[in-house]
Protein backbone atom coordinates (compact mmCIF):
# COMPACT_ATOMS: atom_id res chain seq x y z
CA UNK A 1 -33.72 -15.15 10.65
CA UNK A 2 -31.91 -17.12 7.78
CA UNK A 3 -29.77 -13.95 6.86
CA UNK A 4 -28.55 -13.63 10.56
CA UNK A 5 -27.78 -17.48 10.59
CA UNK A 6 -25.76 -17.40 7.29
CA UNK A 7 -23.91 -14.25 8.57
CA UNK A 8 -22.96 -15.88 12.12
CA UNK A 9 -21.72 -18.92 10.08
CA UNK A 10 -19.66 -16.66 7.67
CA UNK A 11 -18.31 -14.67 10.70
CA UNK A 12 -17.15 -18.06 12.50
CA UNK A 13 -15.04 -18.99 9.50
CA UNK A 14 -11.46 -18.91 10.56
CA UNK A 15 -9.11 -16.10 9.41
CA UNK A 16 -7.20 -18.62 7.29
CA UNK A 17 -10.40 -19.83 5.63
CA UNK A 18 -10.99 -16.39 4.32
CA UNK A 19 -7.66 -15.66 3.16
CA UNK A 20 -7.91 -14.40 -0.59
CA UNK A 21 -4.95 -16.38 -1.28
CA UNK A 22 -6.69 -19.67 -0.61
CA UNK A 23 -10.04 -19.67 -2.39
CA UNK A 24 -10.33 -23.39 -2.32
CA UNK A 25 -10.61 -23.37 1.59
CA UNK A 26 -13.21 -20.64 1.32
CA UNK A 27 -15.27 -22.80 -1.40
CA UNK A 28 -14.88 -25.48 0.97
CA UNK A 29 -15.86 -24.01 4.08
CA UNK A 30 -18.93 -22.39 2.42
CA UNK A 31 -19.85 -25.71 0.90
CA UNK A 32 -19.85 -27.38 4.18
CA UNK A 33 -22.30 -24.91 5.53
CA UNK A 34 -24.76 -25.70 2.37
CA UNK A 35 -23.50 -22.73 0.34
CA UNK A 36 -22.26 -22.93 -3.19
CA UNK A 37 -19.44 -20.60 -4.41
CA UNK A 38 -17.50 -20.08 -7.50
CA UNK A 39 -14.99 -17.74 -8.88
CA UNK A 40 -14.64 -16.19 -12.35
CA UNK A 41 -11.12 -16.09 -14.13
CA UNK A 42 -11.48 -12.18 -13.69
CA UNK A 43 -11.55 -12.67 -9.76
CA UNK A 44 -8.62 -15.27 -9.79
CA UNK A 45 -6.44 -13.06 -11.69
CA UNK A 46 -6.98 -9.84 -9.32
CA UNK A 47 -6.43 -9.72 -5.73
CA UNK A 48 -6.00 -7.28 -2.75
CA UNK A 49 -2.74 -7.02 -1.14
CA UNK A 50 -3.13 -7.66 2.77
CA UNK A 51 0.30 -6.59 4.08
CA UNK A 52 4.09 -6.43 2.99
CA UNK A 53 4.53 -10.39 3.51
CA UNK A 54 1.49 -10.85 1.18
CA UNK A 55 2.88 -8.45 -1.27
CA UNK A 56 6.27 -10.23 -1.41
CA UNK A 57 4.72 -14.00 -1.60
CA UNK A 58 2.08 -12.94 -4.34
CA UNK A 59 3.78 -10.26 -6.38
CA UNK A 60 7.67 -10.12 -5.96
CA UNK A 61 8.09 -14.03 -5.82
CA UNK A 62 5.58 -14.51 -8.40
CA UNK A 63 6.84 -16.17 -11.53
CA UNK A 64 3.98 -14.58 -13.59
CA UNK A 65 3.88 -10.75 -14.63
CA UNK A 66 2.16 -8.81 -12.07
CA UNK A 67 0.34 -5.42 -12.63
CA UNK A 68 0.30 -3.56 -9.22
CA UNK A 69 -2.39 -0.82 -9.12
CA UNK A 70 -1.79 1.62 -6.23
CA UNK A 71 -5.06 3.51 -5.57
CA UNK A 72 -7.00 5.23 -2.77
CA UNK A 73 -10.74 4.96 -1.87
CA UNK A 74 -10.96 8.87 -2.18
CA UNK A 75 -9.45 8.93 -5.55
CA UNK A 76 -11.94 9.49 -8.65
CA UNK A 77 -9.32 8.80 -11.40
CA UNK A 78 -8.54 5.40 -9.41
CA UNK A 79 -12.29 4.40 -9.46
CA UNK A 80 -12.41 4.68 -13.30
CA UNK A 81 -9.09 3.17 -14.00
CA UNK A 82 -9.49 0.19 -11.64
CA UNK A 83 -12.29 -1.79 -13.13
CA UNK A 84 -11.08 -0.90 -16.60
CA UNK A 85 -7.59 -2.49 -15.73
CA UNK A 86 -9.31 -5.36 -14.04
CA UNK A 87 -11.30 -6.01 -17.13
CA UNK A 88 -8.10 -5.70 -19.42
CA UNK A 89 -6.14 -8.14 -17.08
CA UNK A 90 -9.16 -10.72 -17.17
CA UNK A 91 -8.81 -10.58 -20.92
CA UNK A 92 -5.24 -12.00 -20.86
CA UNK A 93 -6.54 -15.15 -19.50
CA UNK A 94 -4.09 -15.78 -16.56
CA UNK A 95 -0.79 -14.73 -18.21
CA UNK A 96 -0.78 -11.79 -16.10
CA UNK A 97 -1.95 -11.03 -12.50
CA UNK A 98 -3.30 -7.91 -10.93
CA UNK A 99 -2.47 -6.78 -7.32
CA UNK A 100 -4.68 -3.77 -5.83
CA UNK A 101 -2.45 -1.76 -3.01
CA UNK A 102 -4.62 0.80 -1.35
CA UNK A 103 -2.19 3.59 -0.29
CA UNK A 104 -3.98 4.37 2.89
CA UNK A 105 -3.60 1.19 3.97
CA UNK A 106 -0.25 0.26 2.88
CA UNK A 107 1.80 3.28 3.06
CA UNK A 108 5.03 1.65 3.45
CA UNK A 109 4.60 0.04 0.02
CA UNK A 110 3.69 3.44 -1.49
CA UNK A 111 6.95 4.92 -0.31
CA UNK A 112 9.28 1.68 -1.09
CA UNK A 113 7.94 1.84 -4.60
CA UNK A 114 8.12 5.67 -4.71
CA UNK A 115 4.31 6.28 -5.45
CA UNK A 116 3.88 10.10 -5.51
CA UNK A 117 0.30 10.27 -7.19
CA UNK A 118 -2.49 7.68 -7.51
CA UNK A 119 -3.52 5.74 -9.64
CA UNK A 120 0.09 4.42 -10.12
CA UNK A 121 0.45 1.28 -12.22
CA UNK A 122 3.51 -0.86 -12.01
CA UNK A 123 4.27 -3.74 -14.34
CA UNK A 124 6.58 -6.06 -12.32
CA UNK A 125 8.40 -9.23 -13.48
CA UNK A 126 10.39 -11.47 -11.61
CA UNK A 127 10.29 -9.10 -8.60
CA UNK A 128 11.52 -6.05 -10.71
CA UNK A 129 9.63 -3.04 -11.81
CA UNK A 130 9.98 -3.05 -15.68
CA UNK A 131 7.31 -0.46 -16.62
CA UNK A 132 4.96 1.99 -14.86
CA UNK A 133 2.48 4.64 -15.52
CA UNK A 134 0.62 7.57 -13.52
CA UNK A 135 -2.97 8.49 -14.14
CA UNK A 136 -5.83 6.97 -16.24
CA UNK A 137 -5.24 5.07 -19.64
CA UNK A 138 -7.85 4.18 -22.45
CA UNK A 139 -8.39 0.49 -23.00
CA UNK A 140 -5.99 0.41 -25.95
CA UNK A 141 -3.47 2.00 -24.06
CA UNK A 142 -3.87 -0.63 -21.28
CA UNK A 143 -3.92 -3.31 -23.75
CA UNK A 144 -0.48 -2.11 -25.12
CA UNK A 145 0.72 -1.75 -21.68
CA UNK A 146 -0.20 -5.70 -20.67
CA UNK A 147 1.11 -7.05 -24.24
CA UNK A 148 4.52 -5.52 -23.50
CA UNK A 149 4.68 -6.98 -20.17
CA UNK A 150 3.65 -10.43 -21.30
CA UNK A 151 5.69 -10.28 -24.31
CA UNK A 152 2.78 -10.87 -26.85
């Protein structure tokens, strides 16, 4: 019964309150329903792209460097690289962000950025692609990729 009530409350939240770009609205909404909510640094530095407009706002127009992970649910190597890359981005303590783009949901973005295989990872700075790689990398290679992007 309590789980059903909690689910009903969560589903009654407005779509704006659940928008990942506004975690404070979600936190406030959940708190008003008697639920505590917190995010870790890793969660705040990684986000899923919702649509082309969201990509433009949160990636292209972002003053921080952004790593864009083009992936697919059915892609085995993506399932290995994704968490590894998230971990390495989180270690950068907010100096770089990570956007996750599912190519099946956002084919237009995959075509625009000439993604021909997954996983493909782009490094973007000031709206421009400054580096990229395709396939799996180990943690040392990812660290070097990120350090080059943030200029460390």
